[in-house]
Amino acid sequence: MSIFRGRFNGRTAVVTGGASGLGKAAAARIVAEGGQVTLWDLNAETLAAVAAEIGATHFVALDVADPDAVTDAARASNEALGRVDVLVASAGITGATTAVQDFPIESWKRVVDINLNGVFYCCRAIVPYMLANGYGRIVNVASVAGKEGNPNASAYSASKAGVIGFTKSLGKELAGRGVIANSLTPATFESPILDQLPPSQVDYMRSRIPMGRLGEVEESAAMVCFMASEECSFTTASTFDTSGGRTTY
């Protein structure tokens, strides 16, 4: 993994889903490149261990589907870091893997609550701090499923399509105010979220990738860090792709 030393010097970041997977990988890289990070995730004990492992400045245990908890976490993170320059909204779940007619309603609600509402709550709470400083980078993690749809994953696909549309709207709202917002659409990559899926679903998703393999989390983390950096200065309300050739737009 190439590290761009000093790229995040003086910058601070909130990373949701920061205890594992892409969130953890992106947070670790931001720290390695000179930034300060606060991690948000559900489990306080796991967060403490990961924060110590990667050198994070601060962490908050919360459910991003709880808007009041998100507002409180944003305030606490801004106080701990002194400012918030970057938001990486990576928290997400897959939900049930079944046909629409059999899809459990509670699973649908939970997926949308975390994957889509949670992104909205985080952006709503953190954008004011960015606007006050005249600078911000927002990276909302979506999925190729939000572009193409995966069978037997209707809630996940719909929630990630919502993240793409929401981010396009947000980026246009903030254009010209120093805050840039983009989404990332990875194909399936090796991460703990795969443990939520049956092997047949993982095999299906692998078969859809022209490169013939799953992604590596570091590949998507590298793209996140470009999107979160000052180098990403003239692209907003857009979607970056790390799909091994799967998506065509």
C-alpha atoms as a PDB file:
ATOM      1  CA  MET A   1       0.000   0.000   0.000  1.00  0.00           C
ATOM      2  CA  SER A   2       1.403   3.377  -1.031  1.00  0.00           C
ATOM      3  CA  ILE A   3       1.169   6.029   1.682  1.00  0.00           C
ATOM      4  CA  PHE A   4       1.091   9.715   0.784  1.00  0.00           C
ATOM      5  CA  ARG A   5       2.991  11.062   3.766  1.00  0.00           C
ATOM      6  CA  GLY A   6       1.538  14.264   5.144  1.00  0.00           C
ATOM      7  CA  ARG A   7      -1.486  14.354   2.832  1.00  0.00           C
ATOM      8  CA  PHE A   8      -3.813  14.791   5.820  1.00  0.00           C
ATOM      9  CA  ASN A   9      -1.530  16.892   8.003  1.00  0.00           C
ATOM     10  CA  GLY A  10      -3.705  19.268  10.018  1.00  0.00           C
ATOM     11  CA  ARG A  11      -6.898  17.553   8.867  1.00  0.00           C
ATOM     12  CA  THR A  12      -9.465  15.702  10.957  1.00  0.00           C
ATOM     13  CA  ALA A  13     -11.953  13.010  10.029  1.00  0.00           C
ATOM     14  CA  VAL A  14     -15.026  11.239  11.345  1.00  0.00           C
ATOM     15  CA  VAL A  15     -15.273   7.672  10.040  1.00  0.00           C
ATOM     16  CA  THR A  16     -18.466   5.691  10.623  1.00  0.00           C
ATOM     17  CA  GLY A  17     -18.290   1.920  10.613  1.00  0.00           C
ATOM     18  CA  GLY A  18     -14.736   2.570  11.712  1.00  0.00           C
ATOM     19  CA  ALA A  19     -14.223  -0.619  13.709  1.00  0.00           C
ATOM     20  CA  SER A  20     -13.895  -2.932  10.712  1.00  0.00           C
ATOM     21  CA  GLY A  21     -13.812  -3.292   6.945  1.00  0.00           C
ATOM     22  CA  LEU A  22     -13.510  -0.256   4.722  1.00  0.00           C
ATOM     23  CA  GLY A  23     -14.107   2.173   7.578  1.00  0.00           C
ATOM     24  CA  LYS A  24     -11.185   0.822   9.555  1.00  0.00           C
ATOM     25  CA  ALA A  25      -8.905   0.661   6.498  1.00  0.00           C
ATOM     26  CA  ALA A  26      -9.695   4.230   5.471  1.00  0.00           C
ATOM     27  CA  ALA A  27      -9.278   5.521   9.018  1.00  0.00           C
ATOM     28  CA  ALA A  28      -5.925   3.768   9.408  1.00  0.00           C
ATOM     29  CA  ARG A  29      -4.687   5.277   6.171  1.00  0.00           C
ATOM     30  CA  ILE A  30      -5.824   8.799   7.098  1.00  0.00           C
ATOM     31  CA  VAL A  31      -3.906   8.478  10.378  1.00  0.00           C
ATOM     32  CA  ALA A  32      -0.849   7.114   8.561  1.00  0.00           C
ATOM     33  CA  GLU A  33      -1.014  10.114   6.233  1.00  0.00           C
ATOM     34  CA  GLY A  34      -0.976  12.595   9.104  1.00  0.00           C
ATOM     35  CA  GLY A  35      -4.640  13.096  10.001  1.00  0.00           C
ATOM     36  CA  GLN A  36      -6.551  12.834  13.255  1.00  0.00           C
ATOM     37  CA  VAL A  37      -9.528  10.485  13.281  1.00  0.00           C
ATOM     38  CA  THR A  38     -12.546   9.776  15.433  1.00  0.00           C
ATOM     39  CA  LEU A  39     -14.168   6.387  14.911  1.00  0.00           C
ATOM     40  CA  TRP A  40     -17.916   5.780  15.144  1.00  0.00           C
ATOM     41  CA  ASP A  41     -19.327   2.272  15.456  1.00  0.00           C
ATOM     42  CA  LEU A  42     -21.634   0.191  17.624  1.00  0.00           C
ATOM     43  CA  ASN A  43     -19.363  -1.703  19.991  1.00  0.00           C
ATOM     44  CA  ALA A  44     -17.376   0.392  22.484  1.00  0.00           C
ATOM     45  CA  GLU A  45     -14.951  -2.397  23.398  1.00  0.00           C
ATOM     46  CA  THR A  46     -14.086  -3.130  19.769  1.00  0.00           C
ATOM     47  CA  LEU A  47     -13.777   0.584  19.038  1.00  0.00           C
ATOM     48  CA  ALA A  48     -11.332   1.067  21.894  1.00  0.00           C
ATOM     49  CA  ALA A  49      -9.132  -1.746  20.591  1.00  0.00           C
ATOM     50  CA  VAL A  50      -9.193  -0.487  17.000  1.00  0.00           C
ATOM     51  CA  ALA A  51      -8.551   3.112  18.077  1.00  0.00           C
ATOM     52  CA  ALA A  52      -5.464   1.956  19.976  1.00  0.00           C
ATOM     53  CA  GLU A  53      -4.346  -0.200  17.043  1.00  0.00           C
ATOM     54  CA  ILE A  54      -4.490   2.511  14.376  1.00  0.00           C
ATOM     55  CA  GLY A  55      -3.798   5.568  16.535  1.00  0.00           C
ATOM     56  CA  ALA A  56      -7.230   7.189  16.356  1.00  0.00           C
ATOM     57  CA  THR A  57      -7.670  10.281  18.503  1.00  0.00           C
ATOM     58  CA  HIS A  58     -11.205   9.607  19.696  1.00  0.00           C
ATOM     59  CA  PHE A  59     -14.120   7.215  19.300  1.00  0.00           C
ATOM     60  CA  VAL A  60     -17.868   7.168  19.900  1.00  0.00           C
ATOM     61  CA  ALA A  61     -20.031   4.074  20.308  1.00  0.00           C
ATOM     62  CA  LEU A  62     -23.415   4.734  18.726  1.00  0.00           C
ATOM     63  CA  ASP A  63     -26.066   3.518  16.309  1.00  0.00           C
ATOM     64  CA  VAL A  64     -26.063   5.789  13.234  1.00  0.00           C
ATOM     65  CA  ALA A  65     -29.785   5.048  12.851  1.00  0.00           C
ATOM     66  CA  ASP A  66     -30.409   7.134  15.997  1.00  0.00           C
ATOM     67  CA  PRO A  67     -30.481  10.805  14.910  1.00  0.00           C
ATOM     68  CA  ASP A  68     -30.100  12.190  18.445  1.00  0.00           C
ATOM     69  CA  ALA A  69     -27.066   9.971  19.088  1.00  0.00           C
ATOM     70  CA  VAL A  70     -25.546  11.133  15.806  1.00  0.00           C
ATOM     71  CA  THR A  71     -26.053  14.796  16.705  1.00  0.00           C
ATOM     72  CA  ASP A  72     -24.403  14.230  20.082  1.00  0.00           C
ATOM     73  CA  ALA A  73     -21.521  12.299  18.494  1.00  0.00           C
ATOM     74  CA  ALA A  74     -20.903  15.061  15.964  1.00  0.00           C
ATOM     75  CA  ARG A  75     -20.705  17.638  18.743  1.00  0.00           C
ATOM     76  CA  ALA A  76     -18.369  15.451  20.805  1.00  0.00           C
ATOM     77  CA  SER A  77     -16.146  14.710  17.816  1.00  0.00           C
ATOM     78  CA  ASN A  78     -15.901  18.363  16.853  1.00  0.00           C
ATOM     79  CA  GLU A  79     -14.855  19.194  20.405  1.00  0.00           C
ATOM     80  CA  ALA A  80     -12.334  16.338  20.566  1.00  0.00           C
ATOM     81  CA  LEU A  81     -10.744  17.101  17.194  1.00  0.00           C
ATOM     82  CA  GLY A  82     -11.117  20.868  17.228  1.00  0.00           C
ATOM     83  CA  ARG A  83     -12.858  20.777  13.833  1.00  0.00           C
ATOM     84  CA  VAL A  84     -14.232  18.220  11.374  1.00  0.00           C
ATOM     85  CA  ASP A  85     -12.758  18.341   7.882  1.00  0.00           C
ATOM     86  CA  VAL A  86     -13.740  14.918   6.555  1.00  0.00           C
ATOM     87  CA  LEU A  87     -16.702  12.565   6.931  1.00  0.00           C
ATOM     88  CA  VAL A  88     -16.409   9.008   5.668  1.00  0.00           C
ATOM     89  CA  ALA A  89     -19.865   7.439   6.056  1.00  0.00           C
ATOM     90  CA  SER A  90     -19.068   3.738   5.805  1.00  0.00           C
ATOM     91  CA  ALA A  91     -21.438   2.116   8.315  1.00  0.00           C
ATOM     92  CA  GLY A  92     -23.739  -0.395   6.659  1.00  0.00           C
ATOM     93  CA  ILE A  93     -25.423  -3.799   6.803  1.00  0.00           C
ATOM     94  CA  THR A  94     -26.645  -6.221   4.151  1.00  0.00           C
ATOM     95  CA  GLY A  95     -29.956  -7.346   5.650  1.00  0.00           C
ATOM     96  CA  ALA A  96     -31.832 -10.466   4.635  1.00  0.00           C
ATOM     97  CA  THR A  97     -30.954 -12.364   1.455  1.00  0.00           C
ATOM     98  CA  THR A  98     -34.290 -13.407   0.011  1.00  0.00           C
ATOM     99  CA  ALA A  99     -36.909 -12.569  -2.601  1.00  0.00           C
ATOM    100  CA  VAL A 100     -39.074  -9.475  -2.167  1.00  0.00           C
ATOM    101  CA  GLN A 101     -42.257 -11.428  -1.428  1.00  0.00           C
ATOM    102  CA  ASP A 102     -40.496 -13.149   1.479  1.00  0.00           C
ATOM    103  CA  PHE A 103     -38.422 -10.203   2.663  1.00  0.00           C
ATOM    104  CA  PRO A 104     -38.907  -9.551   6.410  1.00  0.00           C
ATOM    105  CA  ILE A 105     -40.313  -6.065   6.941  1.00  0.00           C
ATOM    106  CA  GLU A 106     -38.171  -5.449  10.022  1.00  0.00           C
ATOM    107  CA  SER A 107     -35.024  -6.327   8.078  1.00  0.00           C
ATOM    108  CA  TRP A 108     -36.047  -3.901   5.316  1.00  0.00           C
ATOM    109  CA  LYS A 109     -36.572  -1.112   7.829  1.00  0.00           C
ATOM    110  CA  ARG A 110     -33.281  -1.780   9.606  1.00  0.00           C
ATOM    111  CA  VAL A 111     -31.254  -1.782   6.375  1.00  0.00           C
ATOM    112  CA  VAL A 112     -32.781   1.489   5.197  1.00  0.00           C
ATOM    113  CA  ASP A 113     -32.396   2.992   8.667  1.00  0.00           C
ATOM    114  CA  ILE A 114     -28.660   2.292   8.825  1.00  0.00           C
ATOM    115  CA  ASN A 115     -27.582   2.472   5.188  1.00  0.00           C
ATOM    116  CA  LEU A 116     -29.611   5.457   4.022  1.00  0.00           C
ATOM    117  CA  ASN A 117     -31.117   7.285   6.992  1.00  0.00           C
ATOM    118  CA  GLY A 118     -27.836   6.913   8.868  1.00  0.00           C
ATOM    119  CA  VAL A 119     -25.926   8.625   6.061  1.00  0.00           C
ATOM    120  CA  PHE A 120     -28.478  11.450   6.065  1.00  0.00           C
ATOM    121  CA  TYR A 121     -28.250  11.859   9.845  1.00  0.00           C
ATOM    122  CA  CYS A 122     -24.440  11.960   9.754  1.00  0.00           C
ATOM    123  CA  CYS A 123     -24.289  14.506   6.944  1.00  0.00           C
ATOM    124  CA  ARG A 124     -27.021  16.620   8.524  1.00  0.00           C
ATOM    125  CA  ALA A 125     -25.118  16.744  11.813  1.00  0.00           C
ATOM    126  CA  ILE A 126     -21.614  17.334  10.439  1.00  0.00           C
ATOM    127  CA  VAL A 127     -22.178  19.660   7.471  1.00  0.00           C
ATOM    128  CA  PRO A 128     -22.746  22.721   9.725  1.00  0.00           C
ATOM    129  CA  TYR A 129     -19.267  22.301  11.247  1.00  0.00           C
ATOM    130  CA  MET A 130     -17.737  22.076   7.781  1.00  0.00           C
ATOM    131  CA  LEU A 131     -19.625  25.116   6.516  1.00  0.00           C
ATOM    132  CA  ALA A 132     -18.496  27.116   9.550  1.00  0.00           C
ATOM    133  CA  ASN A 133     -14.874  26.383   8.574  1.00  0.00           C
ATOM    134  CA  GLY A 134     -15.423  26.786   4.831  1.00  0.00           C
ATOM    135  CA  TYR A 135     -13.941  23.366   4.108  1.00  0.00           C
ATOM    136  CA  GLY A 136     -15.103  19.770   3.999  1.00  0.00           C
ATOM    137  CA  ARG A 137     -14.879  16.465   2.195  1.00  0.00           C
ATOM    138  CA  ILE A 138     -17.759  13.968   2.449  1.00  0.00           C
ATOM    139  CA  VAL A 139     -17.416  10.388   1.214  1.00  0.00           C
ATOM    140  CA  ASN A 140     -20.638   8.386   1.388  1.00  0.00           C
ATOM    141  CA  VAL A 141     -20.057   4.683   0.760  1.00  0.00           C
ATOM    142  CA  ALA A 142     -22.677   3.246  -1.581  1.00  0.00           C
ATOM    143  CA  SER A 143     -22.320   0.085  -3.717  1.00  0.00           C
ATOM    144  CA  VAL A 144     -22.534  -1.197  -7.268  1.00  0.00           C
ATOM    145  CA  ALA A 145     -25.779  -2.751  -6.031  1.00  0.00           C
ATOM    146  CA  GLY A 146     -27.139   0.785  -5.926  1.00  0.00           C
ATOM    147  CA  LYS A 147     -26.459   1.135  -9.653  1.00  0.00           C
ATOM    148  CA  GLU A 148     -27.341  -2.344 -10.901  1.00  0.00           C
ATOM    149  CA  GLY A 149     -29.369  -4.042  -8.163  1.00  0.00           C
ATOM    150  CA  ASN A 150     -28.530  -7.468  -6.790  1.00  0.00           C
ATOM    151  CA  PRO A 151     -31.230 -10.147  -6.776  1.00  0.00           C
ATOM    152  CA  ASN A 152     -32.413 -11.192  -3.318  1.00  0.00           C
ATOM    153  CA  ALA A 153     -30.877  -8.010  -1.882  1.00  0.00           C
ATOM    154  CA  SER A 154     -33.649  -5.493  -2.522  1.00  0.00           C
ATOM    155  CA  ALA A 155     -33.268  -3.509   0.695  1.00  0.00           C
ATOM    156  CA  TYR A 156     -29.505  -3.230   0.328  1.00  0.00           C
ATOM    157  CA  SER A 157     -29.753  -2.286  -3.353  1.00  0.00           C
ATOM    158  CA  ALA A 158     -32.477   0.297  -2.727  1.00  0.00           C
ATOM    159  CA  SER A 159     -30.663   1.843   0.237  1.00  0.00           C
ATOM    160  CA  LYS A 160     -27.421   2.191  -1.701  1.00  0.00           C
ATOM    161  CA  ALA A 161     -29.236   3.702  -4.698  1.00  0.00           C
ATOM    162  CA  GLY A 162     -30.654   6.184  -2.205  1.00  0.00           C
ATOM    163  CA  VAL A 163     -27.146   7.043  -0.978  1.00  0.00           C
ATOM    164  CA  ILE A 164     -26.081   7.824  -4.554  1.00  0.00           C
ATOM    165  CA  GLY A 165     -29.074  10.082  -5.167  1.00  0.00           C
ATOM    166  CA  PHE A 166     -28.772  11.771  -1.783  1.00  0.00           C
ATOM    167  CA  THR A 167     -25.086  12.500  -2.339  1.00  0.00           C
ATOM    168  CA  LYS A 168     -25.739  14.017  -5.771  1.00  0.00           C
ATOM    169  CA  SER A 169     -28.276  16.345  -4.191  1.00  0.00           C
ATOM    170  CA  LEU A 170     -25.998  17.207  -1.269  1.00  0.00           C
ATOM    171  CA  GLY A 171     -22.997  17.886  -3.488  1.00  0.00           C
ATOM    172  CA  LYS A 172     -24.989  20.345  -5.583  1.00  0.00           C
ATOM    173  CA  GLU A 173     -26.282  22.103  -2.454  1.00  0.00           C
ATOM    174  CA  LEU A 174     -22.760  22.577  -1.134  1.00  0.00           C
ATOM    175  CA  ALA A 175     -20.984  23.379  -4.414  1.00  0.00           C
ATOM    176  CA  GLY A 176     -19.062  26.630  -4.172  1.00  0.00           C
ATOM    177  CA  ARG A 177     -19.080  26.643  -0.380  1.00  0.00           C
ATOM    178  CA  GLY A 178     -15.845  24.737   0.177  1.00  0.00           C
ATOM    179  CA  VAL A 179     -17.522  21.399   0.968  1.00  0.00           C
ATOM    180  CA  ILE A 180     -17.366  18.558  -1.553  1.00  0.00           C
ATOM    181  CA  ALA A 181     -19.580  15.451  -1.362  1.00  0.00           C
ATOM    182  CA  ASN A 182     -19.168  12.304  -3.446  1.00  0.00           C
ATOM    183  CA  SER A 183     -20.151   8.664  -3.152  1.00  0.00           C
ATOM    184  CA  LEU A 184     -18.137   5.493  -3.699  1.00  0.00           C
ATOM    185  CA  THR A 185     -19.574   2.428  -5.430  1.00  0.00           C
ATOM    186  CA  PRO A 186     -17.383  -0.575  -4.663  1.00  0.00           C
ATOM    187  CA  ALA A 187     -18.060  -4.034  -5.949  1.00  0.00           C
ATOM    188  CA  THR A 188     -17.875  -6.778  -3.374  1.00  0.00           C
ATOM    189  CA  PHE A 189     -14.577  -6.810  -1.522  1.00  0.00           C
ATOM    190  CA  GLU A 190     -13.173  -8.992   1.219  1.00  0.00           C
ATOM    191  CA  SER A 191     -14.598  -7.700   4.513  1.00  0.00           C
ATOM    192  CA  PRO A 192     -16.533  -8.854   7.600  1.00  0.00           C
ATOM    193  CA  ILE A 193     -19.819  -7.810   5.959  1.00  0.00           C
ATOM    194  CA  LEU A 194     -19.535 -10.949   3.775  1.00  0.00           C
ATOM    195  CA  ASP A 195     -20.169 -12.997   6.912  1.00  0.00           C
ATOM    196  CA  GLN A 196     -23.761 -11.723   6.739  1.00  0.00           C
ATOM    197  CA  LEU A 197     -24.286 -13.376   3.328  1.00  0.00           C
ATOM    198  CA  PRO A 198     -24.670 -16.986   2.185  1.00  0.00           C
ATOM    199  CA  PRO A 199     -21.764 -18.274   0.048  1.00  0.00           C
ATOM    200  CA  SER A 200     -24.073 -18.528  -2.989  1.00  0.00           C
ATOM    201  CA  GLN A 201     -24.678 -14.773  -2.872  1.00  0.00           C
ATOM    202  CA  VAL A 202     -20.950 -14.038  -2.636  1.00  0.00           C
ATOM    203  CA  ASP A 203     -20.299 -16.390  -5.563  1.00  0.00           C
ATOM    204  CA  TYR A 204     -22.955 -14.579  -7.608  1.00  0.00           C
ATOM    205  CA  MET A 205     -21.387 -11.195  -6.947  1.00  0.00           C
ATOM    206  CA  ARG A 206     -17.897 -12.474  -7.794  1.00  0.00           C
ATOM    207  CA  SER A 207     -19.211 -13.870 -11.080  1.00  0.00           C
ATOM    208  CA  ARG A 208     -20.428 -10.399 -12.069  1.00  0.00           C
ATOM    209  CA  ILE A 209     -16.959  -8.819 -11.822  1.00  0.00           C
ATOM    210  CA  PRO A 210     -15.043  -8.904 -15.146  1.00  0.00           C
ATOM    211  CA  MET A 211     -11.699  -9.015 -13.331  1.00  0.00           C
ATOM    212  CA  GLY A 212     -12.836 -12.350 -11.893  1.00  0.00           C
ATOM    213  CA  ARG A 213     -12.047 -11.608  -8.257  1.00  0.00           C
ATOM    214  CA  LEU A 214     -13.365  -9.742  -5.271  1.00  0.00           C
ATOM    215  CA  GLY A 215     -11.816  -6.407  -4.465  1.00  0.00           C
ATOM    216  CA  GLU A 216      -9.335  -5.778  -1.702  1.00  0.00           C
ATOM    217  CA  VAL A 217     -10.352  -3.368   1.025  1.00  0.00           C
ATOM    218  CA  GLU A 218      -7.124  -1.401   0.547  1.00  0.00           C
ATOM    219  CA  GLU A 219      -8.122  -0.655  -3.057  1.00  0.00           C
ATOM    220  CA  SER A 220     -11.315   1.051  -1.979  1.00  0.00           C
ATOM    221  CA  ALA A 221      -9.575   2.722   0.976  1.00  0.00           C
ATOM    222  CA  ALA A 222      -7.102   4.301  -1.455  1.00  0.00           C
ATOM    223  CA  MET A 223      -9.981   5.774  -3.454  1.00  0.00           C
ATOM    224  CA  VAL A 224     -11.702   6.983  -0.275  1.00  0.00           C
ATOM    225  CA  CYS A 225      -8.559   8.805   0.772  1.00  0.00           C
ATOM    226  CA  PHE A 226      -8.255  10.577  -2.570  1.00  0.00           C
ATOM    227  CA  MET A 227     -11.915  11.595  -2.316  1.00  0.00           C
ATOM    228  CA  ALA A 228     -11.326  12.799   1.256  1.00  0.00           C
ATOM    229  CA  SER A 229      -8.244  14.842   0.410  1.00  0.00           C
ATOM    230  CA  GLU A 230      -7.606  18.350  -0.868  1.00  0.00           C
ATOM    231  CA  GLU A 231      -6.623  16.774  -4.204  1.00  0.00           C
ATOM    232  CA  CYS A 232     -10.295  16.083  -4.887  1.00  0.00           C
ATOM    233  CA  SER A 233     -11.113  19.710  -5.580  1.00  0.00           C
ATOM    234  CA  PHE A 234     -13.239  19.870  -8.753  1.00  0.00           C
ATOM    235  CA  THR A 235     -15.460  16.792  -8.534  1.00  0.00           C
ATOM    236  CA  THR A 236     -18.592  16.892  -6.420  1.00  0.00           C
ATOM    237  CA  ALA A 237     -22.092  15.387  -6.505  1.00  0.00           C
ATOM    238  CA  SER A 238     -20.473  12.472  -8.307  1.00  0.00           C
ATOM    239  CA  THR A 239     -19.742   8.762  -7.944  1.00  0.00           C
ATOM    240  CA  PHE A 240     -16.360   7.068  -7.899  1.00  0.00           C
ATOM    241  CA  ASP A 241     -16.217   3.419  -8.914  1.00  0.00           C
ATOM    242  CA  THR A 242     -14.073   0.529  -7.619  1.00  0.00           C
ATOM    243  CA  SER A 243     -15.861  -2.391  -9.221  1.00  0.00           C
ATOM    244  CA  GLY A 244     -13.323  -4.367 -11.231  1.00  0.00           C
ATOM    245  CA  GLY A 245     -15.156  -3.398 -14.414  1.00  0.00           C
ATOM    246  CA  ARG A 246     -18.612  -4.429 -13.270  1.00  0.00           C
ATOM    247  CA  THR A 247     -20.388  -1.086 -13.599  1.00  0.00           C
ATOM    248  CA  THR A 248     -20.620   0.635 -16.970  1.00  0.00           C
ATOM    249  CA  TYR A 249     -21.642   4.132 -15.861  1.00  0.00           C
END
